[in-house]
Amino acid sequence: MEKTKASVNKVDIQVAIAIGICIITALFVPQLQQMTACIAVLLCLQDSVKVSWKAGVTRLIITLIGGVTFILVVLTKPGMERVTYAIFRLVSTMYGVLAVLLVACIFSLIFREKEVADMK
């Protein structure tokens, strides 16, 4: 069996930065659920901004459908804590997706400029 060397690529760095943003922000905004935002980062970050955007929108739609269904079921029970949980879960997922898009856009601009400079 042939040994291969592990290497760090652009997507790995983007994931680390986006997860770092989610964790640090959640320290200052306790309503954000760190795990939910970080899972959204892992599921949505792709090689390009366009694909990341599509994965992020899909993730938001799926979370919204699940959240609305959860809220409708919970409304049959007394108490609003679970509704609040579902809302913050959706907000945390949205934040994770926004962190992915921010990091992906910044990296896209940096590497595009680098490619243009290399062509000259």
Protein backbone atom coordinates (compact mmCIF):
# COMPACT_ATOMS: atom_id res chain seq x y z
CA MET A 1 0.00 0.00 0.00
CA GLU A 2 1.34 3.40 -1.00
CA LYS A 3 1.77 6.01 1.72
CA THR A 4 0.44 9.47 1.06
CA LYS A 5 1.36 12.62 2.89
CA ALA A 6 -1.37 14.56 4.61
CA SER A 7 -1.53 18.17 3.52
CA VAL A 8 -3.56 21.21 4.38
CA ASN A 9 -5.43 22.79 1.49
CA LYS A 10 -7.49 25.95 1.01
CA VAL A 11 -10.78 24.34 2.09
CA ASP A 12 -9.23 23.10 5.35
CA ILE A 13 -8.09 26.62 6.18
CA GLN A 14 -11.51 28.03 5.29
CA VAL A 15 -13.22 25.51 7.58
CA ALA A 16 -10.88 26.35 10.46
CA ILE A 17 -11.46 30.10 10.05
CA ALA A 18 -15.25 29.80 9.69
CA ILE A 19 -15.51 27.50 12.73
CA GLY A 20 -13.28 29.88 14.68
CA ILE A 21 -15.57 32.78 13.79
CA CYS A 22 -18.62 30.80 14.94
CA ILE A 23 -17.05 29.76 18.24
CA ILE A 24 -15.67 33.21 19.10
CA THR A 25 -18.93 34.94 18.20
CA ALA A 26 -20.93 32.44 20.28
CA LEU A 27 -18.82 33.39 23.29
CA PHE A 28 -20.16 36.94 23.03
CA VAL A 29 -23.70 36.01 21.92
CA PRO A 30 -24.80 33.18 24.23
CA GLN A 31 -28.02 32.58 22.28
CA LEU A 32 -26.00 31.25 19.33
CA GLN A 33 -25.55 27.52 19.52
CA GLN A 34 -21.89 26.79 18.78
CA MET A 35 -22.41 23.21 17.68
CA THR A 36 -25.25 24.02 15.30
CA ALA A 37 -23.29 26.83 13.64
CA CYS A 38 -20.15 24.68 13.34
CA ILE A 39 -22.08 21.78 11.82
CA ALA A 40 -23.54 24.19 9.27
CA VAL A 41 -19.98 25.27 8.41
CA LEU A 42 -18.87 21.67 7.90
CA LEU A 43 -21.87 20.80 5.76
CA CYS A 44 -21.90 23.92 3.60
CA LEU A 45 -18.29 24.84 2.88
CA GLN A 46 -17.31 23.66 -0.58
CA ASP A 47 -14.56 24.37 -3.12
CA SER A 48 -16.25 27.41 -4.66
CA VAL A 49 -18.48 30.24 -3.49
CA LYS A 50 -21.25 29.21 -5.89
CA VAL A 51 -21.41 25.63 -4.60
CA SER A 52 -21.12 26.83 -0.98
CA TRP A 53 -24.02 29.23 -1.59
CA LYS A 54 -26.17 26.44 -3.01
CA ALA A 55 -25.31 24.11 -0.09
CA GLY A 56 -26.02 26.91 2.39
CA VAL A 57 -29.42 27.73 0.92
CA THR A 58 -30.31 24.03 0.87
CA ARG A 59 -29.24 23.69 4.51
CA LEU A 60 -31.35 26.71 5.50
CA ILE A 61 -34.43 25.38 3.70
CA ILE A 62 -34.07 21.96 5.32
CA THR A 63 -33.56 23.51 8.76
CA LEU A 64 -36.54 25.83 8.25
CA ILE A 65 -38.81 22.93 7.30
CA GLY A 66 -37.61 20.92 10.30
CA GLY A 67 -37.95 23.91 12.62
CA VAL A 68 -41.49 24.75 11.51
CA THR A 69 -42.51 21.10 11.86
CA PHE A 70 -40.93 20.98 15.31
CA ILE A 71 -42.71 24.17 16.38
CA LEU A 72 -46.07 22.87 15.15
CA VAL A 73 -45.63 19.66 17.13
CA VAL A 74 -44.44 21.52 20.23
CA LEU A 75 -47.38 23.91 20.13
CA THR A 76 -49.57 20.97 21.11
CA LYS A 77 -47.70 20.90 24.45
CA PRO A 78 -47.65 23.64 27.11
CA GLY A 79 -44.59 25.87 27.43
CA MET A 80 -42.59 28.00 25.02
CA GLU A 81 -39.02 26.87 25.82
CA ARG A 82 -38.94 24.43 22.92
CA VAL A 83 -40.17 27.03 20.45
CA THR A 84 -37.40 29.34 21.58
CA TYR A 85 -34.91 26.49 21.16
CA ALA A 86 -36.13 25.86 17.59
CA ILE A 87 -35.86 29.54 16.71
CA PHE A 88 -32.32 29.84 18.09
CA ARG A 89 -31.35 26.65 16.29
CA LEU A 90 -32.48 28.17 12.98
CA VAL A 91 -30.67 31.44 13.78
CA SER A 92 -27.48 29.52 14.65
CA THR A 93 -27.64 27.57 11.39
CA MET A 94 -28.15 30.81 9.46
CA TYR A 95 -25.14 32.29 11.22
CA GLY A 96 -23.00 29.27 10.32
CA VAL A 97 -24.02 29.59 6.69
CA LEU A 98 -23.24 33.32 6.72
CA ALA A 99 -19.80 32.60 8.18
CA VAL A 100 -19.18 30.09 5.37
CA LEU A 101 -20.20 32.57 2.69
CA LEU A 102 -18.09 35.34 4.21
CA VAL A 103 -14.96 33.20 4.41
CA ALA A 104 -15.54 31.66 0.97
CA CYS A 105 -16.01 35.11 -0.63
CA ILE A 106 -12.90 36.52 1.02
CA PHE A 107 -10.79 33.53 -0.05
CA SER A 108 -12.24 33.76 -3.56
CA LEU A 109 -11.20 37.41 -3.82
CA ILE A 110 -7.72 36.73 -2.40
CA PHE A 111 -6.98 33.80 -4.66
CA ARG A 112 -8.52 35.46 -7.73
CA GLU A 113 -6.25 38.48 -7.23
CA LYS A 114 -3.29 36.16 -6.78
CA GLU A 115 -4.14 34.33 -10.02
CA VAL A 116 -4.42 37.64 -11.89
CA ALA A 117 -1.05 38.78 -10.50
CA ASP A 118 0.55 35.47 -11.53
CA MET A 119 -0.74 35.92 -15.09
CA LYS A 120 1.06 39.27 -15.50
